[in-house]
Amino acid sequence: MARFKFEMKWALIFIIMSLLWMVLEKLSGLHGKYIDYHLYLTNLYAIPAIAVFVFALKDIRKNYYNGQMNFKQGFVSGMIITVIVTIFAPLTQWIISYIISPEYFPNVIKRSVELGYYKTTTEATANFNYKNYAVQSTIASFMMGIITTLVVAYFVRTKTVKN
């Protein structure tokens, strides 16, 4: 377990950052008054998400690999972070759905029907619910984690690694 302390630390930081992002979305009205903009502005989440991965792999390179990290080492560390975040994705989504912003689903259901994205509330409810979002966030965490890890590990690696 000591080997993975950096990855566990950064996975926890990533989860906390994600929860704080949702608090920011809620406080800015994107889960209520300005819900029409949520679809677009929520994508800005990628900026802090990528930044956390960059900081994580730079920290691991400096403090675990003594400043020298090849692509494979960065990729493995990033994947460990990704797997931890993915495992906790349903819990993270539960906290978002039931504690941080329990009004999000009713608001987005109502608005999506008003705008004609769905014909009925039943159809909208089938899409906008905790179970569906838990599955989506789990898959997205893993897929985006892989892509982010590939890119960040490439740029954070050192050209030569001393053995």
N, C-alpha and C. Protein backbone atom coordinates (compact mmCIF):
# COMPACT_ATOMS: atom_id res chain seq x y z
N MET A 1 0.81 -1.20 0.00
CA MET A 1 0.00 0.00 0.00
C MET A 1 0.85 1.27 0.00
N ALA A 2 2.01 1.22 0.65
CA ALA A 2 2.88 2.40 0.69
C ALA A 2 3.30 2.80 -0.71
N ARG A 3 3.45 1.84 -1.61
CA ARG A 3 3.84 2.14 -2.99
C ARG A 3 2.82 3.02 -3.67
N PHE A 4 1.58 2.90 -3.31
CA PHE A 4 0.51 3.63 -3.99
C PHE A 4 0.04 4.87 -3.24
N LYS A 5 0.80 5.34 -2.25
CA LYS A 5 0.34 6.47 -1.43
C LYS A 5 0.17 7.74 -2.26
N PHE A 6 1.06 7.97 -3.23
CA PHE A 6 0.92 9.17 -4.07
C PHE A 6 -0.33 9.08 -4.93
N GLU A 7 -0.56 7.93 -5.52
CA GLU A 7 -1.74 7.76 -6.37
C GLU A 7 -3.03 7.88 -5.56
N MET A 8 -3.04 7.32 -4.35
CA MET A 8 -4.24 7.43 -3.50
C MET A 8 -4.48 8.89 -3.12
N LYS A 9 -3.39 9.59 -2.78
CA LYS A 9 -3.51 11.01 -2.43
C LYS A 9 -4.12 11.80 -3.59
N TRP A 10 -3.60 11.58 -4.80
CA TRP A 10 -4.08 12.35 -5.95
C TRP A 10 -5.47 11.93 -6.40
N ALA A 11 -5.83 10.68 -6.21
CA ALA A 11 -7.20 10.25 -6.50
C ALA A 11 -8.17 10.97 -5.55
N LEU A 12 -7.80 11.07 -4.28
CA LEU A 12 -8.64 11.77 -3.31
C LEU A 12 -8.74 13.25 -3.67
N ILE A 13 -7.63 13.86 -4.06
CA ILE A 13 -7.66 15.27 -4.49
C ILE A 13 -8.58 15.42 -5.70
N PHE A 14 -8.50 14.48 -6.64
CA PHE A 14 -9.35 14.54 -7.82
C PHE A 14 -10.83 14.45 -7.43
N ILE A 15 -11.16 13.54 -6.55
CA ILE A 15 -12.56 13.38 -6.11
C ILE A 15 -13.05 14.64 -5.41
N ILE A 16 -12.22 15.20 -4.53
CA ILE A 16 -12.60 16.44 -3.83
C ILE A 16 -12.78 17.59 -4.82
N MET A 17 -11.86 17.69 -5.79
CA MET A 17 -11.99 18.72 -6.82
C MET A 17 -13.31 18.55 -7.58
N SER A 18 -13.67 17.32 -7.90
CA SER A 18 -14.93 17.07 -8.61
C SER A 18 -16.14 17.50 -7.79
N LEU A 19 -16.11 17.20 -6.52
CA LEU A 19 -17.22 17.61 -5.65
C LEU A 19 -17.29 19.13 -5.52
N LEU A 20 -16.13 19.77 -5.40
CA LEU A 20 -16.11 21.23 -5.32
C LEU A 20 -16.59 21.86 -6.62
N TRP A 21 -16.28 21.23 -7.75
CA TRP A 21 -16.78 21.73 -9.04
C TRP A 21 -18.31 21.70 -9.05
N MET A 22 -18.88 20.63 -8.53
CA MET A 22 -20.35 20.54 -8.51
C MET A 22 -20.95 21.57 -7.57
N VAL A 23 -20.28 21.85 -6.46
CA VAL A 23 -20.74 22.92 -5.56
C VAL A 23 -20.71 24.25 -6.31
N LEU A 24 -19.63 24.49 -7.06
CA LEU A 24 -19.51 25.72 -7.85
C LEU A 24 -20.62 25.81 -8.90
N GLU A 25 -20.89 24.71 -9.59
CA GLU A 25 -21.98 24.71 -10.56
C GLU A 25 -23.31 25.05 -9.89
N LYS A 26 -23.55 24.44 -8.75
CA LYS A 26 -24.82 24.69 -8.05
C LYS A 26 -24.91 26.15 -7.60
N LEU A 27 -23.83 26.65 -6.98
CA LEU A 27 -23.85 28.02 -6.48
C LEU A 27 -23.97 29.06 -7.60
N SER A 28 -23.47 28.73 -8.78
CA SER A 28 -23.56 29.65 -9.90
C SER A 28 -24.92 29.58 -10.61
N GLY A 29 -25.79 28.67 -10.17
CA GLY A 29 -27.12 28.57 -10.74
C GLY A 29 -27.26 27.61 -11.90
N LEU A 30 -26.20 26.88 -12.22
CA LEU A 30 -26.26 25.96 -13.36
C LEU A 30 -27.14 24.74 -13.11
N HIS A 31 -27.55 24.53 -11.88
CA HIS A 31 -28.45 23.42 -11.56
C HIS A 31 -29.87 23.93 -11.32
N GLY A 32 -30.08 25.22 -11.53
CA GLY A 32 -31.38 25.82 -11.30
C GLY A 32 -31.67 26.90 -12.32
N LYS A 33 -31.54 28.15 -11.88
CA LYS A 33 -31.90 29.31 -12.70
C LYS A 33 -31.24 29.32 -14.09
N TYR A 34 -29.98 28.93 -14.17
CA TYR A 34 -29.25 28.96 -15.43
C TYR A 34 -29.00 27.56 -16.00
N ILE A 35 -29.93 26.67 -15.76
CA ILE A 35 -29.75 25.27 -16.18
C ILE A 35 -29.59 25.13 -17.69
N ASP A 36 -30.12 26.08 -18.46
CA ASP A 36 -29.97 26.03 -19.91
C ASP A 36 -28.50 26.08 -20.35
N TYR A 37 -27.66 26.67 -19.53
CA TYR A 37 -26.23 26.80 -19.86
C TYR A 37 -25.39 25.64 -19.34
N HIS A 38 -26.00 24.81 -18.51
CA HIS A 38 -25.25 23.71 -17.89
C HIS A 38 -24.61 22.79 -18.92
N LEU A 39 -25.33 22.43 -19.93
CA LEU A 39 -24.85 21.52 -20.97
C LEU A 39 -23.51 21.98 -21.55
N TYR A 40 -23.35 23.28 -21.66
CA TYR A 40 -22.13 23.83 -22.25
C TYR A 40 -21.04 24.10 -21.22
N LEU A 41 -21.40 24.75 -20.14
CA LEU A 41 -20.40 25.19 -19.16
C LEU A 41 -19.84 24.05 -18.32
N THR A 42 -20.57 22.96 -18.18
CA THR A 42 -20.06 21.84 -17.38
C THR A 42 -18.81 21.24 -18.02
N ASN A 43 -18.64 21.43 -19.32
CA ASN A 43 -17.47 20.90 -20.01
C ASN A 43 -16.17 21.59 -19.58
N LEU A 44 -16.28 22.76 -18.97
CA LEU A 44 -15.08 23.44 -18.45
C LEU A 44 -14.42 22.64 -17.33
N TYR A 45 -15.15 21.68 -16.80
CA TYR A 45 -14.62 20.76 -15.78
C TYR A 45 -13.34 20.08 -16.26
N ALA A 46 -13.19 19.92 -17.56
CA ALA A 46 -12.00 19.27 -18.11
C ALA A 46 -10.72 20.01 -17.72
N ILE A 47 -10.79 21.32 -17.57
CA ILE A 47 -9.59 22.11 -17.24
C ILE A 47 -9.02 21.71 -15.88
N PRO A 48 -9.79 21.78 -14.79
CA PRO A 48 -9.20 21.35 -13.52
C PRO A 48 -8.93 19.84 -13.47
N ALA A 49 -9.71 19.05 -14.19
CA ALA A 49 -9.48 17.60 -14.20
C ALA A 49 -8.12 17.27 -14.81
N ILE A 50 -7.81 17.88 -15.92
CA ILE A 50 -6.51 17.65 -16.56
C ILE A 50 -5.40 18.22 -15.69
N ALA A 51 -5.64 19.40 -15.12
CA ALA A 51 -4.63 20.03 -14.25
C ALA A 51 -4.27 19.12 -13.08
N VAL A 52 -5.26 18.48 -12.48
CA VAL A 52 -4.98 17.58 -11.35
C VAL A 52 -4.08 16.43 -11.81
N PHE A 53 -4.35 15.88 -12.98
CA PHE A 53 -3.50 14.80 -13.50
C PHE A 53 -2.07 15.28 -13.76
N VAL A 54 -1.93 16.49 -14.28
CA VAL A 54 -0.59 17.04 -14.52
C VAL A 54 0.14 17.20 -13.19
N PHE A 55 -0.52 17.82 -12.22
CA PHE A 55 0.11 18.00 -10.90
C PHE A 55 0.45 16.66 -10.27
N ALA A 56 -0.45 15.70 -10.43
CA ALA A 56 -0.23 14.37 -9.84
C ALA A 56 1.00 13.70 -10.41
N LEU A 57 1.08 13.64 -11.74
CA LEU A 57 2.21 12.95 -12.35
C LEU A 57 3.52 13.70 -12.13
N LYS A 58 3.47 15.02 -12.07
CA LYS A 58 4.69 15.78 -11.75
C LYS A 58 5.13 15.51 -10.31
N ASP A 59 4.18 15.43 -9.40
CA ASP A 59 4.49 15.12 -8.00
C ASP A 59 5.08 13.72 -7.88
N ILE A 60 4.50 12.77 -8.56
CA ILE A 60 5.00 11.38 -8.51
C ILE A 60 6.38 11.31 -9.15
N ARG A 61 6.56 12.00 -10.26
CA ARG A 61 7.88 12.02 -10.91
C ARG A 61 8.94 12.58 -9.96
N LYS A 62 8.63 13.68 -9.31
CA LYS A 62 9.59 14.35 -8.42
C LYS A 62 9.83 13.57 -7.14
N ASN A 63 8.78 13.13 -6.49
CA ASN A 63 8.90 12.59 -5.14
C ASN A 63 8.97 11.08 -5.03
N TYR A 64 8.54 10.37 -6.07
CA TYR A 64 8.65 8.92 -6.03
C TYR A 64 9.76 8.42 -6.94
N TYR A 65 9.86 9.03 -8.11
CA TYR A 65 10.87 8.59 -9.08
C TYR A 65 12.11 9.50 -9.10
N ASN A 66 12.25 10.35 -8.09
CA ASN A 66 13.44 11.22 -7.97
C ASN A 66 13.71 12.05 -9.21
N GLY A 67 12.65 12.59 -9.80
CA GLY A 67 12.78 13.49 -10.93
C GLY A 67 12.92 12.83 -12.29
N GLN A 68 12.97 11.51 -12.33
CA GLN A 68 13.14 10.79 -13.59
C GLN A 68 12.01 9.77 -13.74
N MET A 69 11.14 10.00 -14.71
CA MET A 69 10.01 9.09 -14.91
C MET A 69 9.81 8.87 -16.40
N ASN A 70 9.76 7.61 -16.80
CA ASN A 70 9.50 7.33 -18.21
C ASN A 70 7.99 7.27 -18.45
N PHE A 71 7.63 7.12 -19.71
CA PHE A 71 6.21 7.09 -20.08
C PHE A 71 5.47 5.96 -19.37
N LYS A 72 6.06 4.78 -19.35
CA LYS A 72 5.39 3.63 -18.73
C LYS A 72 5.12 3.87 -17.25
N GLN A 73 6.09 4.41 -16.54
CA GLN A 73 5.90 4.70 -15.11
C GLN A 73 4.78 5.73 -14.92
N GLY A 74 4.77 6.77 -15.75
CA GLY A 74 3.71 7.78 -15.67
C GLY A 74 2.35 7.20 -16.02
N PHE A 75 2.33 6.35 -17.03
CA PHE A 75 1.08 5.72 -17.44
C PHE A 75 0.53 4.83 -16.33
N VAL A 76 1.38 4.03 -15.71
CA VAL A 76 0.94 3.15 -14.63
C VAL A 76 0.39 3.97 -13.46
N SER A 77 1.11 5.02 -13.07
CA SER A 77 0.63 5.86 -11.97
C SER A 77 -0.70 6.51 -12.32
N GLY A 78 -0.81 7.04 -13.54
CA GLY A 78 -2.07 7.66 -13.96
C GLY A 78 -3.22 6.67 -14.00
N MET A 79 -2.93 5.44 -14.40
CA MET A 79 -3.99 4.42 -14.44
C MET A 79 -4.41 4.01 -13.03
N ILE A 80 -3.48 3.99 -12.10
CA ILE A 80 -3.85 3.68 -10.71
C ILE A 80 -4.79 4.76 -10.19
N ILE A 81 -4.46 6.02 -10.46
CA ILE A 81 -5.35 7.12 -10.05
C ILE A 81 -6.71 6.95 -10.72
N THR A 82 -6.70 6.64 -12.01
CA THR A 82 -7.94 6.45 -12.76
C THR A 82 -8.80 5.34 -12.17
N VAL A 83 -8.19 4.21 -11.85
CA VAL A 83 -8.95 3.08 -11.29
C VAL A 83 -9.56 3.46 -9.94
N ILE A 84 -8.81 4.16 -9.09
CA ILE A 84 -9.34 4.56 -7.79
C ILE A 84 -10.51 5.52 -7.97
N VAL A 85 -10.34 6.52 -8.84
CA VAL A 85 -11.43 7.48 -9.10
C VAL A 85 -12.65 6.76 -9.67
N THR A 86 -12.42 5.80 -10.55
CA THR A 86 -13.52 5.04 -11.16
C THR A 86 -14.26 4.21 -10.12
N ILE A 87 -13.53 3.57 -9.23
CA ILE A 87 -14.16 2.78 -8.17
C ILE A 87 -15.08 3.65 -7.32
N PHE A 88 -14.64 4.88 -7.06
CA PHE A 88 -15.43 5.77 -6.20
C PHE A 88 -16.45 6.61 -6.98
N ALA A 89 -16.51 6.47 -8.30
CA ALA A 89 -17.43 7.28 -9.10
C ALA A 89 -18.90 7.15 -8.67
N PRO A 90 -19.42 5.94 -8.40
CA PRO A 90 -20.82 5.88 -7.96
C PRO A 90 -21.06 6.61 -6.62
N LEU A 91 -20.11 6.50 -5.70
CA LEU A 91 -20.25 7.22 -4.42
C LEU A 91 -20.16 8.73 -4.64
N THR A 92 -19.22 9.14 -5.47
CA THR A 92 -19.09 10.57 -5.78
C THR A 92 -20.38 11.08 -6.40
N GLN A 93 -20.95 10.32 -7.33
CA GLN A 93 -22.20 10.73 -7.96
C GLN A 93 -23.35 10.74 -6.96
N TRP A 94 -23.35 9.82 -6.02
CA TRP A 94 -24.39 9.80 -4.99
C TRP A 94 -24.32 11.07 -4.15
N ILE A 95 -23.11 11.46 -3.76
CA ILE A 95 -22.93 12.69 -2.97
C ILE A 95 -23.43 13.90 -3.76
N ILE A 96 -23.10 13.94 -5.05
CA ILE A 96 -23.55 15.04 -5.90
C ILE A 96 -25.08 15.04 -6.01
N SER A 97 -25.65 13.87 -6.28
CA SER A 97 -27.09 13.76 -6.55
C SER A 97 -27.97 13.96 -5.33
N TYR A 98 -27.52 13.50 -4.18
CA TYR A 98 -28.39 13.51 -3.00
C TYR A 98 -27.98 14.51 -1.93
N ILE A 99 -26.75 14.99 -1.96
CA ILE A 99 -26.32 15.94 -0.92
C ILE A 99 -26.06 17.32 -1.50
N ILE A 100 -25.21 17.39 -2.53
CA ILE A 100 -24.83 18.69 -3.07
C ILE A 100 -25.97 19.33 -3.86
N SER A 101 -26.61 18.58 -4.74
CA SER A 101 -27.60 19.18 -5.63
C SER A 101 -28.78 18.26 -5.89
N PRO A 102 -29.58 17.98 -4.86
CA PRO A 102 -30.73 17.09 -5.07
C PRO A 102 -31.80 17.68 -5.99
N GLU A 103 -31.75 18.98 -6.23
CA GLU A 103 -32.73 19.61 -7.12
C GLU A 103 -32.34 19.52 -8.59
N TYR A 104 -31.13 19.07 -8.89
CA TYR A 104 -30.67 19.04 -10.28
C TYR A 104 -31.57 18.16 -11.16
N PHE A 105 -31.81 16.92 -10.76
CA PHE A 105 -32.62 16.03 -11.61
C PHE A 105 -34.02 16.56 -11.85
N PRO A 106 -34.76 16.99 -10.82
CA PRO A 106 -36.10 17.54 -11.10
C PRO A 106 -36.03 18.76 -12.04
N ASN A 107 -35.02 19.62 -11.84
CA ASN A 107 -34.91 20.82 -12.69
C ASN A 107 -34.57 20.47 -14.14
N VAL A 108 -33.63 19.57 -14.34
CA VAL A 108 -33.23 19.23 -15.70
C VAL A 108 -34.33 18.41 -16.41
N ILE A 109 -35.05 17.61 -15.66
CA ILE A 109 -36.17 16.86 -16.24
C ILE A 109 -37.24 17.84 -16.73
N LYS A 110 -37.62 18.76 -15.86
CA LYS A 110 -38.65 19.74 -16.21
C LYS A 110 -38.23 20.57 -17.42
N ARG A 111 -37.00 21.06 -17.39
CA ARG A 111 -36.53 21.95 -18.47
C ARG A 111 -36.36 21.20 -19.80
N SER A 112 -35.90 19.97 -19.75
CA SER A 112 -35.70 19.21 -20.99
C SER A 112 -37.03 18.88 -21.66
N VAL A 113 -38.08 18.71 -20.87
CA VAL A 113 -39.42 18.49 -21.44
C VAL A 113 -39.95 19.81 -22.01
N GLU A 114 -39.75 20.92 -21.27
CA GLU A 114 -40.20 22.23 -21.75
C GLU A 114 -39.54 22.59 -23.10
N LEU A 115 -38.28 22.25 -23.25
CA LEU A 115 -37.55 22.57 -24.48
C LEU A 115 -37.78 21.57 -25.60
N GLY A 116 -38.48 20.47 -25.28
CA GLY A 116 -38.81 19.49 -26.29
C GLY A 116 -37.74 18.44 -26.55
N TYR A 117 -36.74 18.38 -25.68
CA TYR A 117 -35.73 17.33 -25.82
C TYR A 117 -36.35 15.96 -25.56
N TYR A 118 -37.35 15.93 -24.69
CA TYR A 118 -38.12 14.72 -24.39
C TYR A 118 -39.58 15.08 -24.48
N LYS A 119 -40.39 14.11 -24.93
CA LYS A 119 -41.82 14.37 -25.08
C LYS A 119 -42.54 14.34 -23.74
N THR A 120 -42.08 13.45 -22.84
CA THR A 120 -42.77 13.30 -21.56
C THR A 120 -41.77 13.35 -20.40
N THR A 121 -42.29 13.61 -19.25
CA THR A 121 -41.49 13.60 -18.03
C THR A 121 -40.94 12.20 -17.78
N THR A 122 -41.71 11.19 -18.12
CA THR A 122 -41.26 9.81 -17.95
C THR A 122 -40.01 9.53 -18.78
N GLU A 123 -40.01 9.99 -20.02
CA GLU A 123 -38.84 9.81 -20.88
C GLU A 123 -37.63 10.53 -20.31
N ALA A 124 -37.82 11.76 -19.87
CA ALA A 124 -36.72 12.55 -19.31
C ALA A 124 -36.20 11.91 -18.02
N THR A 125 -37.12 11.41 -17.20
CA THR A 125 -36.73 10.77 -15.94
C THR A 125 -35.91 9.51 -16.18
N ALA A 126 -36.20 8.82 -17.27
CA ALA A 126 -35.42 7.61 -17.61
C ALA A 126 -33.96 7.95 -17.90
N ASN A 127 -33.70 9.18 -18.34
CA ASN A 127 -32.33 9.61 -18.63
C ASN A 127 -31.69 10.30 -17.43
N PHE A 128 -32.42 11.18 -16.80
CA PHE A 128 -31.88 12.00 -15.71
C PHE A 128 -32.24 11.40 -14.36
N ASN A 129 -31.39 10.49 -13.89
CA ASN A 129 -31.59 9.87 -12.58
C ASN A 129 -30.24 9.38 -12.05
N TYR A 130 -30.19 9.12 -10.77
CA TYR A 130 -28.94 8.72 -10.14
C TYR A 130 -28.34 7.47 -10.78
N LYS A 131 -29.15 6.45 -10.98
CA LYS A 131 -28.62 5.19 -11.51
C LYS A 131 -27.94 5.39 -12.86
N ASN A 132 -28.61 6.11 -13.76
CA ASN A 132 -28.05 6.36 -15.08
C ASN A 132 -26.76 7.19 -14.98
N TYR A 133 -26.78 8.21 -14.14
CA TYR A 133 -25.60 9.06 -13.99
C TYR A 133 -24.46 8.30 -13.31
N ALA A 134 -24.77 7.40 -12.39
CA ALA A 134 -23.72 6.61 -11.73
C ALA A 134 -23.01 5.72 -12.75
N VAL A 135 -23.79 5.10 -13.63
CA VAL A 135 -23.20 4.27 -14.69
C VAL A 135 -22.38 5.13 -15.64
N GLN A 136 -22.96 6.24 -16.08
CA GLN A 136 -22.26 7.14 -17.01
C GLN A 136 -20.98 7.69 -16.41
N SER A 137 -21.02 8.11 -15.14
CA SER A 137 -19.83 8.68 -14.52
C SER A 137 -18.75 7.63 -14.31
N THR A 138 -19.14 6.40 -14.06
CA THR A 138 -18.16 5.32 -13.90
C THR A 138 -17.45 5.05 -15.22
N ILE A 139 -18.22 4.92 -16.28
CA ILE A 139 -17.63 4.68 -17.61
C ILE A 139 -16.79 5.89 -18.04
N ALA A 140 -17.33 7.08 -17.88
CA ALA A 140 -16.61 8.29 -18.29
C ALA A 140 -15.32 8.48 -17.48
N SER A 141 -15.36 8.18 -16.19
CA SER A 141 -14.16 8.31 -15.36
C SER A 141 -13.05 7.42 -15.91
N PHE A 142 -13.40 6.20 -16.24
CA PHE A 142 -12.39 5.27 -16.73
C PHE A 142 -11.89 5.68 -18.12
N MET A 143 -12.80 5.97 -19.03
CA MET A 143 -12.40 6.30 -20.41
C MET A 143 -11.60 7.61 -20.46
N MET A 144 -12.10 8.64 -19.79
CA MET A 144 -11.38 9.92 -19.81
C MET A 144 -10.07 9.81 -19.03
N GLY A 145 -10.05 8.97 -18.00
CA GLY A 145 -8.81 8.74 -17.26
C GLY A 145 -7.74 8.12 -18.12
N ILE A 146 -8.12 7.17 -18.96
CA ILE A 146 -7.16 6.54 -19.87
C ILE A 146 -6.60 7.58 -20.85
N ILE A 147 -7.48 8.35 -21.47
CA ILE A 147 -7.05 9.34 -22.46
C ILE A 147 -6.16 10.40 -21.80
N THR A 148 -6.61 10.92 -20.67
CA THR A 148 -5.83 11.94 -19.97
C THR A 148 -4.48 11.39 -19.54
N THR A 149 -4.46 10.17 -19.03
CA THR A 149 -3.21 9.55 -18.60
C THR A 149 -2.25 9.39 -19.76
N LEU A 150 -2.73 8.94 -20.90
CA LEU A 150 -1.87 8.78 -22.08
C LEU A 150 -1.20 10.10 -22.46
N VAL A 151 -2.00 11.15 -22.53
CA VAL A 151 -1.47 12.45 -22.95
C VAL A 151 -0.55 13.04 -21.90
N VAL A 152 -0.99 13.06 -20.65
CA VAL A 152 -0.19 13.68 -19.59
C VAL A 152 1.10 12.90 -19.35
N ALA A 153 1.04 11.58 -19.34
CA ALA A 153 2.25 10.77 -19.13
C ALA A 153 3.27 11.04 -20.23
N TYR A 154 2.80 11.27 -21.44
CA TYR A 154 3.71 11.57 -22.55
C TYR A 154 4.44 12.89 -22.31
N PHE A 155 3.71 13.91 -21.88
CA PHE A 155 4.31 15.23 -21.70
C PHE A 155 5.09 15.39 -20.39
N VAL A 156 4.77 14.60 -19.39
CA VAL A 156 5.42 14.73 -18.08
C VAL A 156 6.66 13.83 -17.97
N ARG A 157 6.78 12.88 -18.87
CA ARG A 157 7.92 11.96 -18.80
C ARG A 157 9.21 12.74 -19.00
N THR A 158 10.29 12.17 -18.52
CA THR A 158 11.61 12.74 -18.79
C THR A 158 12.20 11.95 -19.98
N LYS A 159 13.01 12.64 -20.72
CA LYS A 159 13.55 12.03 -21.95
C LYS A 159 14.45 10.83 -21.66
N THR A 160 15.25 10.95 -20.65
CA THR A 160 16.13 9.84 -20.26
C THR A 160 15.89 9.51 -18.81
N VAL A 161 15.88 8.25 -18.53
CA VAL A 161 15.66 7.80 -17.15
C VAL A 161 16.93 7.09 -16.71
N LYS A 162 17.47 7.58 -15.60
CA LYS A 162 18.67 6.96 -15.04
C LYS A 162 18.26 5.72 -14.26
N ASN A 163 18.99 4.64 -14.43
CA ASN A 163 18.67 3.40 -13.71
C ASN A 163 19.49 3.27 -12.46
